[in-house]
Amino acid sequence: IVERKLKELGCKLKSPIITLSFIALPVIPKLKLTDLGLVDVENFRVVAPVVKKED
């Protein structure tokens, strides 16, 4: 039901739920969302979600 609704809303991903699950999987390198926030898992540190504010 969820994937069908996502497609109705315009989602073009083949498996959106699986894609979402990889965003939070902290063992795969790069930036991940965890209970601690946004984490750089290659350098083992929590990072700010905003790098630079544009004027």
C-alpha atoms as a PDB file:
ATOM      1  CA  ILE A   1       0.000   0.000   0.000  1.00  0.00           C
ATOM      2  CA  VAL A   2       2.782   2.456   0.918  1.00  0.00           C
ATOM      3  CA  GLU A   3       4.750   1.924  -2.298  1.00  0.00           C
ATOM      4  CA  ARG A   4       1.576   2.300  -4.366  1.00  0.00           C
ATOM      5  CA  LYS A   5       0.773   5.601  -2.639  1.00  0.00           C
ATOM      6  CA  LEU A   6       4.342   6.831  -3.144  1.00  0.00           C
ATOM      7  CA  LYS A   7       4.064   6.117  -6.872  1.00  0.00           C
ATOM      8  CA  GLU A   8       0.723   7.974  -6.961  1.00  0.00           C
ATOM      9  CA  LEU A   9       2.521  10.960  -5.392  1.00  0.00           C
ATOM     10  CA  GLY A  10       5.133  10.892  -8.175  1.00  0.00           C
ATOM     11  CA  CYS A  11       7.936   8.777  -6.705  1.00  0.00           C
ATOM     12  CA  LYS A  12       9.977   7.274  -9.550  1.00  0.00           C
ATOM     13  CA  LEU A  13      12.182   4.982  -7.442  1.00  0.00           C
ATOM     14  CA  LYS A  14      11.790   1.270  -8.109  1.00  0.00           C
ATOM     15  CA  SER A  15      11.949   0.336  -4.399  1.00  0.00           C
ATOM     16  CA  PRO A  16      11.502   3.499  -2.322  1.00  0.00           C
ATOM     17  CA  ILE A  17      11.228   1.702   1.032  1.00  0.00           C
ATOM     18  CA  ILE A  18      14.526  -0.138   0.496  1.00  0.00           C
ATOM     19  CA  THR A  19      16.153   3.122  -0.613  1.00  0.00           C
ATOM     20  CA  LEU A  20      14.987   4.785   2.610  1.00  0.00           C
ATOM     21  CA  SER A  21      16.362   1.931   4.695  1.00  0.00           C
ATOM     22  CA  PHE A  22      19.863   2.500   3.281  1.00  0.00           C
ATOM     23  CA  ILE A  23      19.784   6.188   4.297  1.00  0.00           C
ATOM     24  CA  ALA A  24      19.827   5.143   7.942  1.00  0.00           C
ATOM     25  CA  LEU A  25      22.202   2.166   7.671  1.00  0.00           C
ATOM     26  CA  PRO A  26      25.330   3.500   9.418  1.00  0.00           C
ATOM     27  CA  VAL A  27      27.679   0.716   8.297  1.00  0.00           C
ATOM     28  CA  ILE A  28      27.652   1.909   4.684  1.00  0.00           C
ATOM     29  CA  PRO A  29      30.100   4.837   4.219  1.00  0.00           C
ATOM     30  CA  LYS A  30      29.226   8.493   3.695  1.00  0.00           C
ATOM     31  CA  LEU A  31      26.570  10.520   5.498  1.00  0.00           C
ATOM     32  CA  LYS A  32      23.798   8.650   7.305  1.00  0.00           C
ATOM     33  CA  LEU A  33      20.796   9.594   9.417  1.00  0.00           C
ATOM     34  CA  THR A  34      20.914   7.969  12.842  1.00  0.00           C
ATOM     35  CA  ASP A  35      19.401   8.534  16.276  1.00  0.00           C
ATOM     36  CA  LEU A  36      22.356  10.878  16.885  1.00  0.00           C
ATOM     37  CA  GLY A  37      21.555  13.000  13.822  1.00  0.00           C
ATOM     38  CA  LEU A  38      23.478  13.283  10.563  1.00  0.00           C
ATOM     39  CA  VAL A  39      26.660  11.218  10.916  1.00  0.00           C
ATOM     40  CA  ASP A  40      29.801  11.127   8.776  1.00  0.00           C
ATOM     41  CA  VAL A  41      30.480   7.409   9.229  1.00  0.00           C
ATOM     42  CA  GLU A  42      33.867   7.554   7.483  1.00  0.00           C
ATOM     43  CA  ASN A  43      35.190  10.024  10.092  1.00  0.00           C
ATOM     44  CA  PHE A  44      32.985   8.880  12.999  1.00  0.00           C
ATOM     45  CA  ARG A  45      31.492  12.293  13.783  1.00  0.00           C
ATOM     46  CA  VAL A  46      28.114  13.994  13.898  1.00  0.00           C
ATOM     47  CA  VAL A  47      27.900  16.798  11.327  1.00  0.00           C
ATOM     48  CA  ALA A  48      25.716  19.880  11.024  1.00  0.00           C
ATOM     49  CA  PRO A  49      22.894  19.410   8.501  1.00  0.00           C
ATOM     50  CA  VAL A  50      23.470  22.949   7.137  1.00  0.00           C
ATOM     51  CA  VAL A  51      26.929  23.680   5.767  1.00  0.00           C
ATOM     52  CA  LYS A  52      26.441  27.302   4.694  1.00  0.00           C
ATOM     53  CA  LYS A  53      23.491  29.646   4.723  1.00  0.00           C
ATOM     54  CA  GLU A  54      23.029  31.532   1.470  1.00  0.00           C
ATOM     55  CA  ASP A  55      22.063  35.216   1.618  1.00  0.00           C
END
